[in-house]
Amino acid sequence: MRPRQTNCPARWTSSPSRTMGNALLAELLTGFAVGGMLAMAGVLMQVLLRTPLAEPYVLGVSGGAASAGLVCMLLGLGGWWISGSALVTSLFSLAVVFLVGGGDARVPRERLLLTGVVMAAGWSTVISFLLAMESSASVHDMLYWLMGDLTRSISPWWGLVALALALVAGWVMAPALDLLVRGDEQAAVLGVEVHRVRLVCYVLAAVLTALAVTLAGPIGFVGLVVPHLVRLRVGARHRILLPFSVLVGGIYLTGLNAIAGLPLIPGSIPVGILSAIVGIPVFLYMLQRTRIGG
């Protein structure tokens, strides 16, 4: 892996005291944290919406986080300003989806999904507006971040801590998730507090997605492809599926980032682009082989 050569504003660059080894270690740990977060969020969304086609960005959460991040960049803010605003905006987006689309078990999942699609389109419009209003010198850096980049994270450690806490919470809720897959009514009969478990899982998935976007920008297909591949290998029991998805997601994104940093072309490829290049054909192959949704 080679260092990325970008025309980043000073507020996004590493401090002069950071050595090359520390920078590469931070990039490695950031890739693992982001990949694990997206994979776990994907597992939760696929359970809650009861479709393997669900992924972390389906409810417009990532669009809200990305919009908040861009606003902070335009204002010259960085660090925890980006993290905090991205998290708040993501939770706001999730709240709107629940209020408009209806988040309880009595409302059809299709309505929730459609509301999420509309929210995602709305945030996409906000992002386009912000890019259109900015000078050409800064637009390149913003676009690079929007395509997914692991080199601008301040510190990966808080992301790893958040991932570990989320995994513990997922482990505790795993038996309830196993029952939710069978349907809300059957889960309720077997003693699951369906509404509370659903709310916790939605919020947990939103927080993980927001933190992942904060660390690396929007990176697609990790939360869609990885959980399905892992499910095919280890089964659908969530006390096994969740930790394996986190592990595979982290290794997968870290590996893609290493490939993206190879000196094959001038400059560097954003890892989000490489994730899409790999993820699209892999998912289409899985779709054909397993007849998802058919």
C-alpha atoms as a PDB file:
ATOM      1  CA  MET A   1       0.000   0.000   0.000  1.00  0.00           C
ATOM      2  CA  ARG A   2       1.357   3.410  -0.855  1.00  0.00           C
ATOM      3  CA  PRO A   3       0.443   6.791   0.632  1.00  0.00           C
ATOM      4  CA  ARG A   4      -2.358   8.577  -1.186  1.00  0.00           C
ATOM      5  CA  GLN A   5      -1.452  11.744  -3.032  1.00  0.00           C
ATOM      6  CA  THR A   6      -4.404  14.096  -2.780  1.00  0.00           C
ATOM      7  CA  ASN A   7      -4.842  17.829  -2.718  1.00  0.00           C
ATOM      8  CA  CYS A   8      -6.474  17.784   0.685  1.00  0.00           C
ATOM      9  CA  PRO A   9      -7.002  20.957   2.693  1.00  0.00           C
ATOM     10  CA  ALA A  10      -4.743  21.178   5.712  1.00  0.00           C
ATOM     11  CA  ARG A  11      -7.569  20.374   8.114  1.00  0.00           C
ATOM     12  CA  TRP A  12      -7.913  16.880   6.565  1.00  0.00           C
ATOM     13  CA  THR A  13      -4.227  15.934   6.522  1.00  0.00           C
ATOM     14  CA  SER A  14      -2.313  14.042   9.162  1.00  0.00           C
ATOM     15  CA  SER A  15      -0.125  15.931  11.603  1.00  0.00           C
ATOM     16  CA  PRO A  16       3.565  16.224  10.655  1.00  0.00           C
ATOM     17  CA  SER A  17       4.553  14.096  13.660  1.00  0.00           C
ATOM     18  CA  ARG A  18       2.665  11.077  12.391  1.00  0.00           C
ATOM     19  CA  THR A  19       5.130   8.619  10.862  1.00  0.00           C
ATOM     20  CA  MET A  20       4.446   6.622   7.725  1.00  0.00           C
ATOM     21  CA  GLY A  21       4.111   3.458   9.791  1.00  0.00           C
ATOM     22  CA  ASN A  22       1.526   5.026  12.079  1.00  0.00           C
ATOM     23  CA  ALA A  23      -0.400   6.365   9.098  1.00  0.00           C
ATOM     24  CA  LEU A  24      -0.528   2.950   7.449  1.00  0.00           C
ATOM     25  CA  LEU A  25      -1.568   1.308  10.723  1.00  0.00           C
ATOM     26  CA  ALA A  26      -4.341   3.880  11.180  1.00  0.00           C
ATOM     27  CA  GLU A  27      -5.517   3.264   7.622  1.00  0.00           C
ATOM     28  CA  LEU A  28      -5.504  -0.492   8.186  1.00  0.00           C
ATOM     29  CA  LEU A  29      -7.495  -0.231  11.420  1.00  0.00           C
ATOM     30  CA  THR A  30      -9.902   2.278   9.888  1.00  0.00           C
ATOM     31  CA  GLY A  31     -10.568  -0.108   6.995  1.00  0.00           C
ATOM     32  CA  PHE A  32     -11.291  -2.963   9.392  1.00  0.00           C
ATOM     33  CA  ALA A  33     -13.573  -0.822  11.565  1.00  0.00           C
ATOM     34  CA  VAL A  34     -15.540   0.571   8.612  1.00  0.00           C
ATOM     35  CA  GLY A  35     -15.872  -2.819   6.903  1.00  0.00           C
ATOM     36  CA  GLY A  36     -17.039  -4.427  10.136  1.00  0.00           C
ATOM     37  CA  MET A  37     -19.561  -1.650  10.838  1.00  0.00           C
ATOM     38  CA  LEU A  38     -21.086  -1.812   7.364  1.00  0.00           C
ATOM     39  CA  ALA A  39     -21.262  -5.612   7.432  1.00  0.00           C
ATOM     40  CA  MET A  40     -22.968  -5.673  10.828  1.00  0.00           C
ATOM     41  CA  ALA A  41     -25.380  -2.912   9.817  1.00  0.00           C
ATOM     42  CA  GLY A  42     -26.181  -4.934   6.697  1.00  0.00           C
ATOM     43  CA  VAL A  43     -27.007  -8.025   8.757  1.00  0.00           C
ATOM     44  CA  LEU A  44     -29.339  -6.019  10.992  1.00  0.00           C
ATOM     45  CA  MET A  45     -31.141  -4.338   8.087  1.00  0.00           C
ATOM     46  CA  GLN A  46     -31.596  -7.656   6.256  1.00  0.00           C
ATOM     47  CA  VAL A  47     -33.183  -9.166   9.367  1.00  0.00           C
ATOM     48  CA  LEU A  48     -35.417  -6.201  10.112  1.00  0.00           C
ATOM     49  CA  LEU A  49     -36.663  -5.778   6.542  1.00  0.00           C
ATOM     50  CA  ARG A  50     -36.640  -9.544   5.942  1.00  0.00           C
ATOM     51  CA  THR A  51     -34.866  -9.358   2.604  1.00  0.00           C
ATOM     52  CA  PRO A  52     -31.246 -10.109   1.635  1.00  0.00           C
ATOM     53  CA  LEU A  53     -31.418  -7.098  -0.704  1.00  0.00           C
ATOM     54  CA  ALA A  54     -31.457  -4.653   2.221  1.00  0.00           C
ATOM     55  CA  GLU A  55     -28.234  -2.801   3.018  1.00  0.00           C
ATOM     56  CA  PRO A  56     -27.040  -0.113   5.452  1.00  0.00           C
ATOM     57  CA  TYR A  57     -27.866   2.829   3.176  1.00  0.00           C
ATOM     58  CA  VAL A  58     -31.430   1.776   2.379  1.00  0.00           C
ATOM     59  CA  LEU A  59     -33.122   4.240   4.776  1.00  0.00           C
ATOM     60  CA  GLY A  60     -31.187   7.328   3.692  1.00  0.00           C
ATOM     61  CA  VAL A  61     -28.959   7.270   6.760  1.00  0.00           C
ATOM     62  CA  SER A  62     -25.701   7.553   4.819  1.00  0.00           C
ATOM     63  CA  GLY A  63     -27.008  10.508   2.810  1.00  0.00           C
ATOM     64  CA  GLY A  64     -27.721  12.407   5.995  1.00  0.00           C
ATOM     65  CA  ALA A  65     -24.267  11.654   7.398  1.00  0.00           C
ATOM     66  CA  ALA A  66     -22.572  12.615   4.121  1.00  0.00           C
ATOM     67  CA  SER A  67     -24.518  15.886   3.898  1.00  0.00           C
ATOM     68  CA  ALA A  68     -23.547  16.840   7.441  1.00  0.00           C
ATOM     69  CA  GLY A  69     -19.920  15.980   6.742  1.00  0.00           C
ATOM     70  CA  LEU A  70     -19.864  18.169   3.649  1.00  0.00           C
ATOM     71  CA  VAL A  71     -21.412  21.103   5.513  1.00  0.00           C
ATOM     72  CA  CYS A  72     -18.703  20.845   8.181  1.00  0.00           C
ATOM     73  CA  MET A  73     -16.020  20.750   5.487  1.00  0.00           C
ATOM     74  CA  LEU A  74     -17.480  23.842   3.828  1.00  0.00           C
ATOM     75  CA  LEU A  75     -17.385  25.650   7.189  1.00  0.00           C
ATOM     76  CA  GLY A  76     -13.781  24.624   7.783  1.00  0.00           C
ATOM     77  CA  LEU A  77     -14.670  22.282  10.631  1.00  0.00           C
ATOM     78  CA  GLY A  78     -13.233  18.837  11.106  1.00  0.00           C
ATOM     79  CA  GLY A  79     -12.680  16.062  13.598  1.00  0.00           C
ATOM     80  CA  TRP A  80     -15.449  15.624  16.132  1.00  0.00           C
ATOM     81  CA  TRP A  81     -17.601  18.268  14.450  1.00  0.00           C
ATOM     82  CA  ILE A  82     -17.933  15.978  11.437  1.00  0.00           C
ATOM     83  CA  SER A  83     -18.510  12.909  13.607  1.00  0.00           C
ATOM     84  CA  GLY A  84     -21.113  14.517  15.841  1.00  0.00           C
ATOM     85  CA  SER A  85     -23.046  16.256  13.086  1.00  0.00           C
ATOM     86  CA  ALA A  86     -23.052  13.108  10.937  1.00  0.00           C
ATOM     87  CA  LEU A  87     -24.459  11.052  13.800  1.00  0.00           C
ATOM     88  CA  VAL A  88     -27.144  13.618  14.673  1.00  0.00           C
ATOM     89  CA  THR A  89     -28.214  14.010  11.044  1.00  0.00           C
ATOM     90  CA  SER A  90     -28.345  10.243  10.547  1.00  0.00           C
ATOM     91  CA  LEU A  91     -30.593   9.782  13.560  1.00  0.00           C
ATOM     92  CA  PHE A  92     -32.757  12.668  12.320  1.00  0.00           C
ATOM     93  CA  SER A  93     -33.091  10.929   8.956  1.00  0.00           C
ATOM     94  CA  LEU A  94     -34.034   7.673  10.668  1.00  0.00           C
ATOM     95  CA  ALA A  95     -36.634   9.486  12.816  1.00  0.00           C
ATOM     96  CA  VAL A  96     -38.226  11.041   9.725  1.00  0.00           C
ATOM     97  CA  VAL A  97     -38.393   7.640   8.033  1.00  0.00           C
ATOM     98  CA  PHE A  98     -40.087   6.161  11.097  1.00  0.00           C
ATOM     99  CA  LEU A  99     -42.558   9.022  11.489  1.00  0.00           C
ATOM    100  CA  VAL A 100     -43.539   9.098   7.818  1.00  0.00           C
ATOM    101  CA  GLY A 101     -43.082   5.474   6.841  1.00  0.00           C
ATOM    102  CA  GLY A 102     -44.131   3.873  10.094  1.00  0.00           C
ATOM    103  CA  GLY A 103     -41.613   1.750  11.921  1.00  0.00           C
ATOM    104  CA  ASP A 104     -43.743  -0.784  13.765  1.00  0.00           C
ATOM    105  CA  ALA A 105     -44.620  -4.286  12.719  1.00  0.00           C
ATOM    106  CA  ARG A 106     -48.140  -3.369  11.603  1.00  0.00           C
ATOM    107  CA  VAL A 107     -46.904  -1.156   8.742  1.00  0.00           C
ATOM    108  CA  PRO A 108     -45.855  -2.888   5.490  1.00  0.00           C
ATOM    109  CA  ARG A 109     -42.091  -3.038   4.972  1.00  0.00           C
ATOM    110  CA  GLU A 110     -42.587  -1.683   1.457  1.00  0.00           C
ATOM    111  CA  ARG A 111     -43.774   1.637   2.879  1.00  0.00           C
ATOM    112  CA  LEU A 112     -40.711   1.919   5.093  1.00  0.00           C
ATOM    113  CA  LEU A 113     -38.422   1.108   2.161  1.00  0.00           C
ATOM    114  CA  LEU A 114     -40.110   3.634  -0.122  1.00  0.00           C
ATOM    115  CA  THR A 115     -39.814   6.328   2.522  1.00  0.00           C
ATOM    116  CA  GLY A 116     -36.119   5.516   2.867  1.00  0.00           C
ATOM    117  CA  VAL A 117     -35.644   5.749  -0.905  1.00  0.00           C
ATOM    118  CA  VAL A 118     -37.258   9.198  -0.928  1.00  0.00           C
ATOM    119  CA  MET A 119     -35.072  10.347   1.985  1.00  0.00           C
ATOM    120  CA  ALA A 120     -31.968   9.082   0.189  1.00  0.00           C
ATOM    121  CA  ALA A 121     -32.988  10.998  -2.948  1.00  0.00           C
ATOM    122  CA  GLY A 122     -33.540  14.128  -0.875  1.00  0.00           C
ATOM    123  CA  TRP A 123     -30.111  13.926   0.733  1.00  0.00           C
ATOM    124  CA  SER A 124     -28.578  13.292  -2.690  1.00  0.00           C
ATOM    125  CA  THR A 125     -30.115  16.576  -3.845  1.00  0.00           C
ATOM    126  CA  VAL A 126     -28.636  18.354  -0.822  1.00  0.00           C
ATOM    127  CA  ILE A 127     -25.201  16.921  -1.622  1.00  0.00           C
ATOM    128  CA  SER A 128     -25.482  18.023  -5.257  1.00  0.00           C
ATOM    129  CA  PHE A 129     -26.452  21.524  -4.134  1.00  0.00           C
ATOM    130  CA  LEU A 130     -23.497  21.759  -1.752  1.00  0.00           C
ATOM    131  CA  LEU A 131     -21.099  20.643  -4.475  1.00  0.00           C
ATOM    132  CA  ALA A 132     -22.603  23.106  -6.963  1.00  0.00           C
ATOM    133  CA  MET A 133     -22.167  26.001  -4.521  1.00  0.00           C
ATOM    134  CA  GLU A 134     -18.522  25.269  -3.734  1.00  0.00           C
ATOM    135  CA  SER A 135     -15.440  26.422  -5.626  1.00  0.00           C
ATOM    136  CA  SER A 136     -13.803  24.048  -8.087  1.00  0.00           C
ATOM    137  CA  ALA A 137     -10.676  23.674  -5.937  1.00  0.00           C
ATOM    138  CA  SER A 138     -12.608  22.149  -3.043  1.00  0.00           C
ATOM    139  CA  VAL A 139     -15.081  20.103  -5.083  1.00  0.00           C
ATOM    140  CA  HIS A 140     -12.402  17.585  -6.067  1.00  0.00           C
ATOM    141  CA  ASP A 141     -11.579  16.854  -2.432  1.00  0.00           C
ATOM    142  CA  MET A 142     -15.244  16.555  -1.506  1.00  0.00           C
ATOM    143  CA  LEU A 143     -15.927  14.196  -4.399  1.00  0.00           C
ATOM    144  CA  TYR A 144     -12.958  12.062  -3.368  1.00  0.00           C
ATOM    145  CA  TRP A 145     -14.377  11.774   0.158  1.00  0.00           C
ATOM    146  CA  LEU A 146     -17.841  10.947  -1.212  1.00  0.00           C
ATOM    147  CA  MET A 147     -16.324   8.084  -3.236  1.00  0.00           C
ATOM    148  CA  GLY A 148     -14.903   6.509  -0.063  1.00  0.00           C
ATOM    149  CA  ASP A 149     -11.460   7.178   1.355  1.00  0.00           C
ATOM    150  CA  LEU A 150      -9.774   5.636   4.393  1.00  0.00           C
ATOM    151  CA  THR A 151      -6.853   8.064   4.611  1.00  0.00           C
ATOM    152  CA  ARG A 152      -8.556  11.035   6.260  1.00  0.00           C
ATOM    153  CA  SER A 153      -9.738   9.520   9.519  1.00  0.00           C
ATOM    154  CA  ILE A 154      -8.429  11.296  12.604  1.00  0.00           C
ATOM    155  CA  SER A 155      -8.259   8.145  14.714  1.00  0.00           C
ATOM    156  CA  PRO A 156      -9.598   4.627  14.103  1.00  0.00           C
ATOM    157  CA  TRP A 157      -9.663   3.668  17.768  1.00  0.00           C
ATOM    158  CA  TRP A 158     -13.054   5.138  18.626  1.00  0.00           C
ATOM    159  CA  GLY A 159     -14.469   3.342  15.584  1.00  0.00           C
ATOM    160  CA  LEU A 160     -13.056   0.023  16.797  1.00  0.00           C
ATOM    161  CA  VAL A 161     -14.458   0.619  20.290  1.00  0.00           C
ATOM    162  CA  ALA A 162     -17.891   1.449  18.854  1.00  0.00           C
ATOM    163  CA  LEU A 163     -17.765  -1.678  16.681  1.00  0.00           C
ATOM    164  CA  ALA A 164     -16.868  -3.854  19.679  1.00  0.00           C
ATOM    165  CA  LEU A 165     -19.731  -2.417  21.762  1.00  0.00           C
ATOM    166  CA  ALA A 166     -22.176  -2.896  18.896  1.00  0.00           C
ATOM    167  CA  LEU A 167     -21.044  -6.491  18.465  1.00  0.00           C
ATOM    168  CA  VAL A 168     -21.650  -7.170  22.163  1.00  0.00           C
ATOM    169  CA  ALA A 169     -25.142  -5.691  21.849  1.00  0.00           C
ATOM    170  CA  GLY A 170     -25.784  -7.785  18.741  1.00  0.00           C
ATOM    171  CA  TRP A 171     -24.580 -10.908  20.557  1.00  0.00           C
ATOM    172  CA  VAL A 172     -27.060 -10.261  23.369  1.00  0.00           C
ATOM    173  CA  MET A 173     -29.926  -9.722  20.911  1.00  0.00           C
ATOM    174  CA  ALA A 174     -28.963 -12.640  18.632  1.00  0.00           C
ATOM    175  CA  PRO A 175     -31.620 -15.101  19.914  1.00  0.00           C
ATOM    176  CA  ALA A 176     -34.324 -12.474  19.372  1.00  0.00           C
ATOM    177  CA  LEU A 177     -33.017 -11.804  15.846  1.00  0.00           C
ATOM    178  CA  ASP A 178     -33.181 -15.533  15.080  1.00  0.00           C
ATOM    179  CA  LEU A 179     -36.863 -15.457  16.007  1.00  0.00           C
ATOM    180  CA  LEU A 180     -37.588 -12.214  14.126  1.00  0.00           C
ATOM    181  CA  VAL A 181     -36.493 -13.897  10.901  1.00  0.00           C
ATOM    182  CA  ARG A 182     -39.508 -16.206  11.264  1.00  0.00           C
ATOM    183  CA  GLY A 183     -41.898 -13.258  11.453  1.00  0.00           C
ATOM    184  CA  ASP A 184     -43.023 -10.697  14.006  1.00  0.00           C
ATOM    185  CA  GLU A 185     -46.110 -12.574  15.167  1.00  0.00           C
ATOM    186  CA  GLN A 186     -44.250 -15.809  15.815  1.00  0.00           C
ATOM    187  CA  ALA A 187     -41.446 -13.941  17.570  1.00  0.00           C
ATOM    188  CA  ALA A 188     -43.964 -12.153  19.799  1.00  0.00           C
ATOM    189  CA  VAL A 189     -45.638 -15.456  20.706  1.00  0.00           C
ATOM    190  CA  LEU A 190     -42.230 -16.830  21.696  1.00  0.00           C
ATOM    191  CA  GLY A 191     -41.608 -13.925  24.068  1.00  0.00           C
ATOM    192  CA  VAL A 192     -39.721 -11.378  21.985  1.00  0.00           C
ATOM    193  CA  GLU A 193     -40.535  -7.720  22.624  1.00  0.00           C
ATOM    194  CA  VAL A 194     -40.730  -7.076  18.889  1.00  0.00           C
ATOM    195  CA  HIS A 195     -41.137  -3.298  18.895  1.00  0.00           C
ATOM    196  CA  ARG A 196     -38.306  -2.675  21.341  1.00  0.00           C
ATOM    197  CA  VAL A 197     -35.913  -5.063  19.582  1.00  0.00           C
ATOM    198  CA  ARG A 198     -36.727  -3.522  16.210  1.00  0.00           C
ATOM    199  CA  LEU A 199     -36.170   0.004  17.482  1.00  0.00           C
ATOM    200  CA  VAL A 200     -32.831  -0.898  19.074  1.00  0.00           C
ATOM    201  CA  CYS A 201     -31.677  -2.645  15.910  1.00  0.00           C
ATOM    202  CA  TYR A 202     -32.719   0.217  13.624  1.00  0.00           C
ATOM    203  CA  VAL A 203     -30.909   2.746  15.815  1.00  0.00           C
ATOM    204  CA  LEU A 204     -27.848   0.490  16.109  1.00  0.00           C
ATOM    205  CA  ALA A 205     -27.691   0.034  12.336  1.00  0.00           C
ATOM    206  CA  ALA A 206     -28.089   3.789  11.825  1.00  0.00           C
ATOM    207  CA  VAL A 207     -25.327   4.619  14.303  1.00  0.00           C
ATOM    208  CA  LEU A 208     -22.942   2.081  12.749  1.00  0.00           C
ATOM    209  CA  THR A 209     -23.651   3.439   9.271  1.00  0.00           C
ATOM    210  CA  ALA A 210     -23.183   7.041  10.385  1.00  0.00           C
ATOM    211  CA  LEU A 211     -19.877   6.231  12.080  1.00  0.00           C
ATOM    212  CA  ALA A 212     -18.667   4.356   9.007  1.00  0.00           C
ATOM    213  CA  VAL A 213     -19.514   7.325   6.764  1.00  0.00           C
ATOM    214  CA  THR A 214     -17.782   9.653   9.223  1.00  0.00           C
ATOM    215  CA  LEU A 215     -14.599   7.587   9.111  1.00  0.00           C
ATOM    216  CA  ALA A 216     -14.397   6.927   5.386  1.00  0.00           C
ATOM    217  CA  GLY A 217     -17.236   8.518   3.458  1.00  0.00           C
ATOM    218  CA  PRO A 218     -19.987   6.459   1.783  1.00  0.00           C
ATOM    219  CA  ILE A 219     -18.734   3.026   0.688  1.00  0.00           C
ATOM    220  CA  GLY A 220     -21.273   0.773  -0.993  1.00  0.00           C
ATOM    221  CA  PHE A 221     -21.827  -2.969  -1.376  1.00  0.00           C
ATOM    222  CA  VAL A 222     -19.908  -4.057   1.747  1.00  0.00           C
ATOM    223  CA  GLY A 223     -23.087  -4.263   3.831  1.00  0.00           C
ATOM    224  CA  LEU A 224     -24.971  -5.869   0.956  1.00  0.00           C
ATOM    225  CA  VAL A 225     -22.584  -8.540  -0.307  1.00  0.00           C
ATOM    226  CA  VAL A 226     -20.614  -9.578   2.788  1.00  0.00           C
ATOM    227  CA  PRO A 227     -23.555 -10.656   5.022  1.00  0.00           C
ATOM    228  CA  HIS A 228     -25.035 -12.741   2.218  1.00  0.00           C
ATOM    229  CA  LEU A 229     -21.717 -14.464   1.447  1.00  0.00           C
ATOM    230  CA  VAL A 230     -21.128 -15.195   5.125  1.00  0.00           C
ATOM    231  CA  ARG A 231     -24.690 -16.479   5.560  1.00  0.00           C
ATOM    232  CA  LEU A 232     -24.134 -18.969   2.747  1.00  0.00           C
ATOM    233  CA  ARG A 233     -21.087 -20.346   4.564  1.00  0.00           C
ATOM    234  CA  VAL A 234     -21.938 -20.283   8.292  1.00  0.00           C
ATOM    235  CA  GLY A 235     -25.735 -20.286   8.301  1.00  0.00           C
ATOM    236  CA  ALA A 236     -28.278 -17.846   9.681  1.00  0.00           C
ATOM    237  CA  ARG A 237     -27.732 -18.160  13.464  1.00  0.00           C
ATOM    238  CA  HIS A 238     -26.854 -14.631  14.488  1.00  0.00           C
ATOM    239  CA  ARG A 239     -24.448 -15.486  17.269  1.00  0.00           C
ATOM    240  CA  ILE A 240     -22.279 -16.937  14.513  1.00  0.00           C
ATOM    241  CA  LEU A 241     -23.355 -14.745  11.614  1.00  0.00           C
ATOM    242  CA  LEU A 242     -22.708 -11.385  13.303  1.00  0.00           C
ATOM    243  CA  PRO A 243     -19.072 -11.897  14.418  1.00  0.00           C
ATOM    244  CA  PHE A 244     -18.120 -13.642  11.172  1.00  0.00           C
ATOM    245  CA  SER A 245     -19.710 -10.847   9.137  1.00  0.00           C
ATOM    246  CA  VAL A 246     -17.763  -8.237  11.111  1.00  0.00           C
ATOM    247  CA  LEU A 247     -14.530 -10.185  10.610  1.00  0.00           C
ATOM    248  CA  VAL A 248     -15.040 -10.810   6.900  1.00  0.00           C
ATOM    249  CA  GLY A 249     -16.270  -7.255   6.301  1.00  0.00           C
ATOM    250  CA  GLY A 250     -13.201  -5.807   7.978  1.00  0.00           C
ATOM    251  CA  ILE A 251     -10.786  -8.049   6.090  1.00  0.00           C
ATOM    252  CA  TYR A 252     -12.632  -7.459   2.812  1.00  0.00           C
ATOM    253  CA  LEU A 253     -12.479  -3.668   2.962  1.00  0.00           C
ATOM    254  CA  THR A 254      -8.900  -3.678   4.226  1.00  0.00           C
ATOM    255  CA  GLY A 255      -7.893  -5.886   1.299  1.00  0.00           C
ATOM    256  CA  LEU A 256      -9.694  -3.660  -1.199  1.00  0.00           C
ATOM    257  CA  ASN A 257      -7.955  -0.626   0.254  1.00  0.00           C
ATOM    258  CA  ALA A 258      -4.576  -2.327  -0.152  1.00  0.00           C
ATOM    259  CA  ILE A 259      -5.364  -3.032  -3.804  1.00  0.00           C
ATOM    260  CA  ALA A 260      -6.605   0.534  -4.298  1.00  0.00           C
ATOM    261  CA  GLY A 261      -3.244   1.828  -3.050  1.00  0.00           C
ATOM    262  CA  LEU A 262      -1.121  -0.177  -5.486  1.00  0.00           C
ATOM    263  CA  PRO A 263       0.935   2.036  -7.839  1.00  0.00           C
ATOM    264  CA  LEU A 264      -0.875   0.839 -10.960  1.00  0.00           C
ATOM    265  CA  ILE A 265      -1.998   4.249 -12.176  1.00  0.00           C
ATOM    266  CA  PRO A 266      -1.061   7.820 -11.303  1.00  0.00           C
ATOM    267  CA  GLY A 267      -2.786   9.029  -8.163  1.00  0.00           C
ATOM    268  CA  SER A 268      -4.967   6.511  -6.341  1.00  0.00           C
ATOM    269  CA  ILE A 269      -8.363   4.857  -6.653  1.00  0.00           C
ATOM    270  CA  PRO A 270     -10.883   5.636  -3.898  1.00  0.00           C
ATOM    271  CA  VAL A 271     -11.716   2.401  -2.123  1.00  0.00           C
ATOM    272  CA  GLY A 272     -15.442   3.073  -2.584  1.00  0.00           C
ATOM    273  CA  ILE A 273     -15.050   2.850  -6.360  1.00  0.00           C
ATOM    274  CA  LEU A 274     -13.144  -0.425  -6.088  1.00  0.00           C
ATOM    275  CA  SER A 275     -15.808  -1.768  -3.738  1.00  0.00           C
ATOM    276  CA  ALA A 276     -18.458  -1.075  -6.373  1.00  0.00           C
ATOM    277  CA  ILE A 277     -16.322  -2.576  -9.165  1.00  0.00           C
ATOM    278  CA  VAL A 278     -15.962  -5.797  -7.176  1.00  0.00           C
ATOM    279  CA  GLY A 279     -19.351  -5.786  -5.470  1.00  0.00           C
ATOM    280  CA  ILE A 280     -21.621  -5.335  -8.511  1.00  0.00           C
ATOM    281  CA  PRO A 281     -20.553  -8.481 -10.426  1.00  0.00           C
ATOM    282  CA  VAL A 282     -20.304 -10.528  -7.225  1.00  0.00           C
ATOM    283  CA  PHE A 283     -23.827  -9.582  -6.205  1.00  0.00           C
ATOM    284  CA  LEU A 284     -25.211 -10.219  -9.696  1.00  0.00           C
ATOM    285  CA  TYR A 285     -23.588 -13.659  -9.609  1.00  0.00           C
ATOM    286  CA  MET A 286     -25.135 -14.397  -6.208  1.00  0.00           C
ATOM    287  CA  LEU A 287     -28.478 -13.119  -7.435  1.00  0.00           C
ATOM    288  CA  GLN A 288     -28.400 -15.535 -10.359  1.00  0.00           C
ATOM    289  CA  ARG A 289     -27.047 -18.483  -8.379  1.00  0.00           C
ATOM    290  CA  THR A 290     -29.313 -18.265  -5.322  1.00  0.00           C
ATOM    291  CA  ARG A 291     -32.419 -16.713  -6.936  1.00  0.00           C
ATOM    292  CA  ILE A 292     -32.702 -14.034  -4.273  1.00  0.00           C
ATOM    293  CA  GLY A 293     -36.178 -12.658  -4.200  1.00  0.00           C
ATOM    294  CA  GLY A 294     -37.337 -15.163  -6.773  1.00  0.00           C
END
